[in-house]
Amino acid sequence: MAKQYPVWLSDMFGKIIDSKEDEKILKFTLLGIPLLQLEFIENRSDKNRQLFYITGGLLSKRSNTGWLEFRSILEGEYIITAIHEFVPRLPWIIYKYTQAKAHLYVMKQFEKYLSSFQLNTDK
């Protein structure tokens, strides 16, 4: 799941939002502007749970807190995606009506993509 998300995201936005992976670092850019940088946490991840520290980018206020988690439960039947301890750069009142809404939309689209992917693999 963690490997599929950046590929899907770049495809969804027609490469306007792009992702690049360099060893353990994953960078998301918008027209070349760094939006978010994630670092894979190898020692806390396994096949059912992949964790990434949020280490930078324009959307994040801090580079020393926060992580993104992809977790598979019930033998892969469900996927949980969560952001923990993230501190947005935008003031909260603006963040919750803009960036948070955009993130919810993107994750709902990813959910639809995964559902159709699952349906296609069941055939």
N, C-alpha and C. Protein backbone atom coordinates (compact mmCIF):
# COMPACT_ATOMS: atom_id res chain seq x y z
N MET A 1 0.82 -1.19 0.00
CA MET A 1 0.00 0.00 0.00
C MET A 1 0.87 1.25 0.00
N ALA A 2 1.87 1.25 0.86
CA ALA A 2 2.73 2.42 0.97
C ALA A 2 3.47 2.69 -0.33
N LYS A 3 3.82 1.65 -1.06
CA LYS A 3 4.50 1.83 -2.35
C LYS A 3 3.53 2.27 -3.44
N GLN A 4 2.30 1.83 -3.36
CA GLN A 4 1.31 2.16 -4.39
C GLN A 4 0.80 3.59 -4.26
N TYR A 5 0.70 4.12 -3.05
CA TYR A 5 0.12 5.44 -2.83
C TYR A 5 0.84 6.55 -3.60
N PRO A 6 2.16 6.68 -3.53
CA PRO A 6 2.80 7.78 -4.27
C PRO A 6 2.65 7.65 -5.79
N VAL A 7 2.67 6.43 -6.29
CA VAL A 7 2.48 6.22 -7.73
C VAL A 7 1.07 6.65 -8.13
N TRP A 8 0.09 6.20 -7.37
CA TRP A 8 -1.31 6.56 -7.64
C TRP A 8 -1.50 8.08 -7.55
N LEU A 9 -0.93 8.71 -6.52
CA LEU A 9 -1.10 10.15 -6.32
C LEU A 9 -0.56 10.93 -7.51
N SER A 10 0.62 10.57 -7.99
CA SER A 10 1.20 11.25 -9.16
C SER A 10 0.32 11.06 -10.39
N ASP A 11 -0.19 9.84 -10.58
CA ASP A 11 -1.07 9.57 -11.72
C ASP A 11 -2.38 10.35 -11.61
N MET A 12 -2.94 10.39 -10.40
CA MET A 12 -4.22 11.07 -10.20
C MET A 12 -4.15 12.56 -10.57
N PHE A 13 -3.03 13.19 -10.22
CA PHE A 13 -2.89 14.62 -10.47
C PHE A 13 -2.10 14.92 -11.74
N GLY A 14 -1.95 13.92 -12.61
CA GLY A 14 -1.29 14.14 -13.88
C GLY A 14 0.11 14.69 -13.75
N LYS A 15 0.83 14.23 -12.76
CA LYS A 15 2.22 14.62 -12.49
C LYS A 15 2.36 16.07 -12.00
N ILE A 16 1.23 16.78 -11.80
CA ILE A 16 1.32 18.12 -11.19
C ILE A 16 1.83 17.95 -9.77
N ILE A 17 1.28 16.95 -9.09
CA ILE A 17 1.87 16.52 -7.82
C ILE A 17 2.68 15.29 -8.15
N ASP A 18 3.95 15.35 -7.88
CA ASP A 18 4.85 14.26 -8.24
C ASP A 18 5.47 13.67 -6.99
N SER A 19 5.87 12.44 -7.08
CA SER A 19 6.56 11.79 -5.97
C SER A 19 7.87 11.22 -6.47
N LYS A 20 8.88 11.34 -5.63
CA LYS A 20 10.18 10.78 -5.94
C LYS A 20 10.68 10.05 -4.71
N GLU A 21 11.18 8.84 -4.94
CA GLU A 21 11.72 8.04 -3.85
C GLU A 21 13.22 7.90 -4.03
N ASP A 22 13.95 8.20 -2.96
CA ASP A 22 15.40 8.09 -2.96
C ASP A 22 15.80 7.31 -1.71
N GLU A 23 16.04 6.03 -1.88
CA GLU A 23 16.30 5.10 -0.78
C GLU A 23 15.14 5.13 0.21
N LYS A 24 15.32 5.69 1.40
CA LYS A 24 14.26 5.70 2.42
C LYS A 24 13.48 7.01 2.45
N ILE A 25 13.81 7.96 1.58
CA ILE A 25 13.16 9.27 1.57
C ILE A 25 12.17 9.34 0.42
N LEU A 26 10.95 9.79 0.72
CA LEU A 26 9.90 9.97 -0.27
C LEU A 26 9.51 11.44 -0.26
N LYS A 27 9.59 12.08 -1.44
CA LYS A 27 9.28 13.50 -1.54
C LYS A 27 8.10 13.71 -2.47
N PHE A 28 7.16 14.55 -2.03
CA PHE A 28 6.02 14.95 -2.84
C PHE A 28 6.20 16.41 -3.21
N THR A 29 6.06 16.73 -4.50
CA THR A 29 6.22 18.11 -4.95
C THR A 29 5.00 18.53 -5.76
N LEU A 30 4.73 19.82 -5.73
CA LEU A 30 3.68 20.44 -6.54
C LEU A 30 4.38 21.39 -7.49
N LEU A 31 4.41 21.02 -8.78
CA LEU A 31 5.11 21.82 -9.79
C LEU A 31 6.54 22.14 -9.33
N GLY A 32 7.19 21.17 -8.73
CA GLY A 32 8.58 21.31 -8.28
C GLY A 32 8.75 21.86 -6.88
N ILE A 33 7.68 22.35 -6.26
CA ILE A 33 7.75 22.91 -4.90
C ILE A 33 7.57 21.77 -3.91
N PRO A 34 8.52 21.59 -2.97
CA PRO A 34 8.41 20.47 -2.03
C PRO A 34 7.24 20.64 -1.06
N LEU A 35 6.24 19.76 -1.19
CA LEU A 35 5.07 19.80 -0.31
C LEU A 35 5.31 19.03 0.97
N LEU A 36 5.84 17.83 0.83
CA LEU A 36 5.99 16.94 1.97
C LEU A 36 7.16 16.00 1.74
N GLN A 37 7.91 15.76 2.80
CA GLN A 37 9.00 14.79 2.75
C GLN A 37 8.78 13.77 3.84
N LEU A 38 8.86 12.51 3.47
CA LEU A 38 8.66 11.40 4.40
C LEU A 38 9.90 10.52 4.42
N GLU A 39 10.20 9.98 5.60
CA GLU A 39 11.32 9.06 5.73
C GLU A 39 10.81 7.73 6.28
N PHE A 40 11.05 6.66 5.55
CA PHE A 40 10.61 5.33 5.95
C PHE A 40 11.26 4.94 7.26
N ILE A 41 10.46 4.44 8.21
CA ILE A 41 10.96 4.01 9.53
C ILE A 41 11.08 2.49 9.48
N GLU A 42 12.21 2.03 9.05
CA GLU A 42 12.41 0.60 8.82
C GLU A 42 12.29 -0.24 10.08
N ASN A 43 12.87 0.23 11.18
CA ASN A 43 12.90 -0.59 12.41
C ASN A 43 11.54 -0.67 13.11
N ARG A 44 10.56 0.12 12.70
CA ARG A 44 9.21 0.06 13.29
C ARG A 44 8.16 -0.42 12.31
N SER A 45 8.59 -0.80 11.11
CA SER A 45 7.68 -1.23 10.05
C SER A 45 7.80 -2.72 9.82
N ASP A 46 6.74 -3.30 9.28
CA ASP A 46 6.76 -4.70 8.85
C ASP A 46 5.81 -4.84 7.68
N LYS A 47 5.53 -6.07 7.26
CA LYS A 47 4.70 -6.26 6.05
C LYS A 47 3.26 -5.76 6.23
N ASN A 48 2.77 -5.69 7.46
CA ASN A 48 1.40 -5.22 7.72
C ASN A 48 1.32 -3.78 8.19
N ARG A 49 2.47 -3.14 8.39
CA ARG A 49 2.47 -1.78 8.93
C ARG A 49 3.70 -1.05 8.41
N GLN A 50 3.48 0.00 7.64
CA GLN A 50 4.59 0.81 7.16
C GLN A 50 4.45 2.21 7.74
N LEU A 51 5.52 2.67 8.34
CA LEU A 51 5.54 3.98 8.99
C LEU A 51 6.56 4.89 8.31
N PHE A 52 6.21 6.18 8.24
CA PHE A 52 7.07 7.19 7.65
C PHE A 52 7.07 8.43 8.54
N TYR A 53 8.28 8.88 8.95
CA TYR A 53 8.37 10.16 9.65
C TYR A 53 8.07 11.27 8.65
N ILE A 54 7.38 12.31 9.10
CA ILE A 54 7.17 13.51 8.29
C ILE A 54 8.35 14.42 8.62
N THR A 55 9.27 14.57 7.66
CA THR A 55 10.53 15.25 7.95
C THR A 55 10.69 16.60 7.26
N GLY A 56 9.67 17.06 6.55
CA GLY A 56 9.81 18.38 5.93
C GLY A 56 8.75 18.63 4.88
N GLY A 57 8.93 19.76 4.22
CA GLY A 57 8.02 20.17 3.16
C GLY A 57 7.20 21.38 3.55
N LEU A 58 6.64 22.03 2.56
CA LEU A 58 5.88 23.26 2.75
C LEU A 58 4.63 23.07 3.62
N LEU A 59 4.01 21.90 3.59
CA LEU A 59 2.77 21.68 4.33
C LEU A 59 2.98 21.45 5.83
N SER A 60 4.19 21.10 6.21
CA SER A 60 4.47 20.76 7.60
C SER A 60 5.21 21.90 8.31
N LYS A 61 4.75 22.20 9.51
CA LYS A 61 5.40 23.27 10.29
C LYS A 61 6.68 22.77 10.95
N ARG A 62 6.70 21.48 11.31
CA ARG A 62 7.85 20.93 12.03
C ARG A 62 8.40 19.73 11.28
N SER A 63 9.69 19.52 11.45
CA SER A 63 10.32 18.37 10.80
C SER A 63 10.75 17.30 11.78
N ASN A 64 10.41 17.49 13.05
CA ASN A 64 10.87 16.52 14.06
C ASN A 64 9.70 15.80 14.75
N THR A 65 8.49 15.98 14.27
CA THR A 65 7.35 15.27 14.84
C THR A 65 6.45 14.80 13.71
N GLY A 66 5.64 13.86 13.99
CA GLY A 66 4.64 13.41 13.04
C GLY A 66 5.08 12.23 12.21
N TRP A 67 4.11 11.36 11.94
CA TRP A 67 4.38 10.23 11.07
C TRP A 67 3.10 9.80 10.37
N LEU A 68 3.31 9.18 9.22
CA LEU A 68 2.23 8.63 8.41
C LEU A 68 2.29 7.12 8.54
N GLU A 69 1.12 6.51 8.68
CA GLU A 69 1.06 5.06 8.87
C GLU A 69 0.09 4.43 7.90
N PHE A 70 0.53 3.35 7.27
CA PHE A 70 -0.34 2.47 6.48
C PHE A 70 -0.36 1.14 7.22
N ARG A 71 -1.55 0.68 7.60
CA ARG A 71 -1.64 -0.57 8.36
C ARG A 71 -2.70 -1.48 7.74
N SER A 72 -2.31 -2.72 7.52
CA SER A 72 -3.21 -3.74 7.00
C SER A 72 -3.72 -4.56 8.18
N ILE A 73 -5.04 -4.75 8.26
CA ILE A 73 -5.60 -5.54 9.36
C ILE A 73 -6.52 -6.63 8.81
N LEU A 74 -6.81 -7.58 9.66
CA LEU A 74 -7.70 -8.69 9.32
C LEU A 74 -7.27 -9.36 8.01
N GLU A 75 -5.98 -9.74 8.00
CA GLU A 75 -5.39 -10.45 6.86
C GLU A 75 -5.55 -9.68 5.55
N GLY A 76 -5.37 -8.37 5.60
CA GLY A 76 -5.43 -7.54 4.41
C GLY A 76 -6.82 -7.13 3.99
N GLU A 77 -7.82 -7.49 4.76
CA GLU A 77 -9.20 -7.15 4.42
C GLU A 77 -9.43 -5.64 4.47
N TYR A 78 -8.76 -4.96 5.41
CA TYR A 78 -8.91 -3.51 5.58
C TYR A 78 -7.55 -2.86 5.68
N ILE A 79 -7.51 -1.61 5.23
CA ILE A 79 -6.30 -0.80 5.34
C ILE A 79 -6.64 0.44 6.15
N ILE A 80 -5.81 0.74 7.11
CA ILE A 80 -5.95 1.97 7.89
C ILE A 80 -4.80 2.88 7.50
N THR A 81 -5.13 4.12 7.18
CA THR A 81 -4.11 5.12 6.92
C THR A 81 -4.32 6.23 7.94
N ALA A 82 -3.25 6.60 8.62
CA ALA A 82 -3.39 7.60 9.67
C ALA A 82 -2.18 8.52 9.70
N ILE A 83 -2.42 9.76 10.08
CA ILE A 83 -1.35 10.72 10.32
C ILE A 83 -1.36 11.01 11.81
N HIS A 84 -0.19 10.86 12.44
CA HIS A 84 -0.07 11.07 13.88
C HIS A 84 0.86 12.25 14.16
N GLU A 85 0.48 13.07 15.13
CA GLU A 85 1.32 14.17 15.64
C GLU A 85 1.76 15.16 14.57
N PHE A 86 1.00 15.27 13.49
CA PHE A 86 1.34 16.20 12.42
C PHE A 86 1.01 17.62 12.85
N VAL A 87 1.92 18.55 12.57
CA VAL A 87 1.69 19.97 12.87
C VAL A 87 1.70 20.71 11.53
N PRO A 88 0.53 21.17 11.07
CA PRO A 88 0.49 21.86 9.77
C PRO A 88 1.11 23.25 9.84
N ARG A 89 1.61 23.71 8.73
CA ARG A 89 2.18 25.06 8.66
C ARG A 89 1.07 26.12 8.74
N LEU A 90 -0.08 25.82 8.15
CA LEU A 90 -1.19 26.77 8.18
C LEU A 90 -1.79 26.89 9.58
N PRO A 91 -2.32 28.05 9.93
CA PRO A 91 -3.06 28.16 11.18
C PRO A 91 -4.24 27.18 11.16
N TRP A 92 -4.58 26.63 12.33
CA TRP A 92 -5.58 25.57 12.41
C TRP A 92 -6.90 25.95 11.73
N ILE A 93 -7.39 27.15 11.94
CA ILE A 93 -8.68 27.56 11.38
C ILE A 93 -8.66 27.51 9.85
N ILE A 94 -7.53 27.83 9.25
CA ILE A 94 -7.40 27.75 7.79
C ILE A 94 -7.15 26.31 7.36
N TYR A 95 -6.29 25.62 8.10
CA TYR A 95 -5.94 24.23 7.78
C TYR A 95 -7.18 23.34 7.72
N LYS A 96 -8.05 23.44 8.71
CA LYS A 96 -9.18 22.51 8.78
C LYS A 96 -10.18 22.71 7.65
N TYR A 97 -10.20 23.89 7.01
CA TYR A 97 -11.11 24.13 5.90
C TYR A 97 -10.44 24.04 4.53
N THR A 98 -9.13 23.84 4.51
CA THR A 98 -8.42 23.77 3.22
C THR A 98 -7.62 22.47 3.11
N GLN A 99 -6.45 22.46 3.70
CA GLN A 99 -5.55 21.31 3.58
C GLN A 99 -6.16 20.03 4.12
N ALA A 100 -6.84 20.09 5.24
CA ALA A 100 -7.47 18.89 5.81
C ALA A 100 -8.57 18.37 4.89
N LYS A 101 -9.37 19.28 4.31
CA LYS A 101 -10.43 18.87 3.38
C LYS A 101 -9.83 18.26 2.11
N ALA A 102 -8.76 18.86 1.62
CA ALA A 102 -8.09 18.32 0.43
C ALA A 102 -7.52 16.93 0.72
N HIS A 103 -6.93 16.77 1.89
CA HIS A 103 -6.39 15.46 2.25
C HIS A 103 -7.49 14.41 2.36
N LEU A 104 -8.61 14.78 2.94
CA LEU A 104 -9.75 13.86 3.04
C LEU A 104 -10.23 13.45 1.65
N TYR A 105 -10.33 14.41 0.74
CA TYR A 105 -10.75 14.11 -0.63
C TYR A 105 -9.77 13.14 -1.29
N VAL A 106 -8.49 13.42 -1.18
CA VAL A 106 -7.47 12.56 -1.80
C VAL A 106 -7.54 11.15 -1.23
N MET A 107 -7.67 11.03 0.07
CA MET A 107 -7.71 9.70 0.68
C MET A 107 -8.99 8.95 0.31
N LYS A 108 -10.10 9.65 0.14
CA LYS A 108 -11.34 8.99 -0.32
C LYS A 108 -11.16 8.49 -1.76
N GLN A 109 -10.47 9.27 -2.58
CA GLN A 109 -10.20 8.82 -3.95
C GLN A 109 -9.26 7.61 -3.96
N PHE A 110 -8.29 7.61 -3.05
CA PHE A 110 -7.39 6.47 -2.94
C PHE A 110 -8.16 5.23 -2.49
N GLU A 111 -9.10 5.43 -1.58
CA GLU A 111 -9.96 4.32 -1.13
C GLU A 111 -10.74 3.74 -2.32
N LYS A 112 -11.31 4.60 -3.16
CA LYS A 112 -12.04 4.12 -4.33
C LYS A 112 -11.11 3.36 -5.27
N TYR A 113 -9.92 3.89 -5.46
CA TYR A 113 -8.94 3.22 -6.31
C TYR A 113 -8.62 1.82 -5.76
N LEU A 114 -8.38 1.73 -4.46
CA LEU A 114 -8.05 0.44 -3.86
C LEU A 114 -9.22 -0.53 -3.98
N SER A 115 -10.42 -0.02 -3.83
CA SER A 115 -11.60 -0.88 -3.97
C SER A 115 -11.70 -1.43 -5.37
N SER A 116 -11.47 -0.60 -6.37
CA SER A 116 -11.55 -1.08 -7.75
C SER A 116 -10.38 -2.02 -8.05
N PHE A 117 -9.22 -1.74 -7.48
CA PHE A 117 -8.05 -2.60 -7.65
C PHE A 117 -8.35 -3.97 -7.07
N GLN A 118 -8.96 -4.00 -5.89
CA GLN A 118 -9.32 -5.28 -5.24
C GLN A 118 -10.32 -6.03 -6.08
N LEU A 119 -11.32 -5.32 -6.61
CA LEU A 119 -12.33 -5.97 -7.44
C LEU A 119 -11.70 -6.59 -8.68
N ASN A 120 -10.73 -5.89 -9.27
CA ASN A 120 -10.07 -6.40 -10.46
C ASN A 120 -9.21 -7.63 -10.17
N THR A 121 -8.62 -7.68 -8.99
CA THR A 121 -7.76 -8.82 -8.65
C THR A 121 -8.59 -10.04 -8.22
N ASP A 122 -9.84 -9.82 -7.85
CA ASP A 122 -10.71 -10.95 -7.45
C ASP A 122 -11.22 -11.73 -8.65
N LYS A 123 -11.14 -11.16 -9.85
CA LYS A 123 -11.70 -11.81 -11.05
C LYS A 123 -10.85 -12.95 -11.51
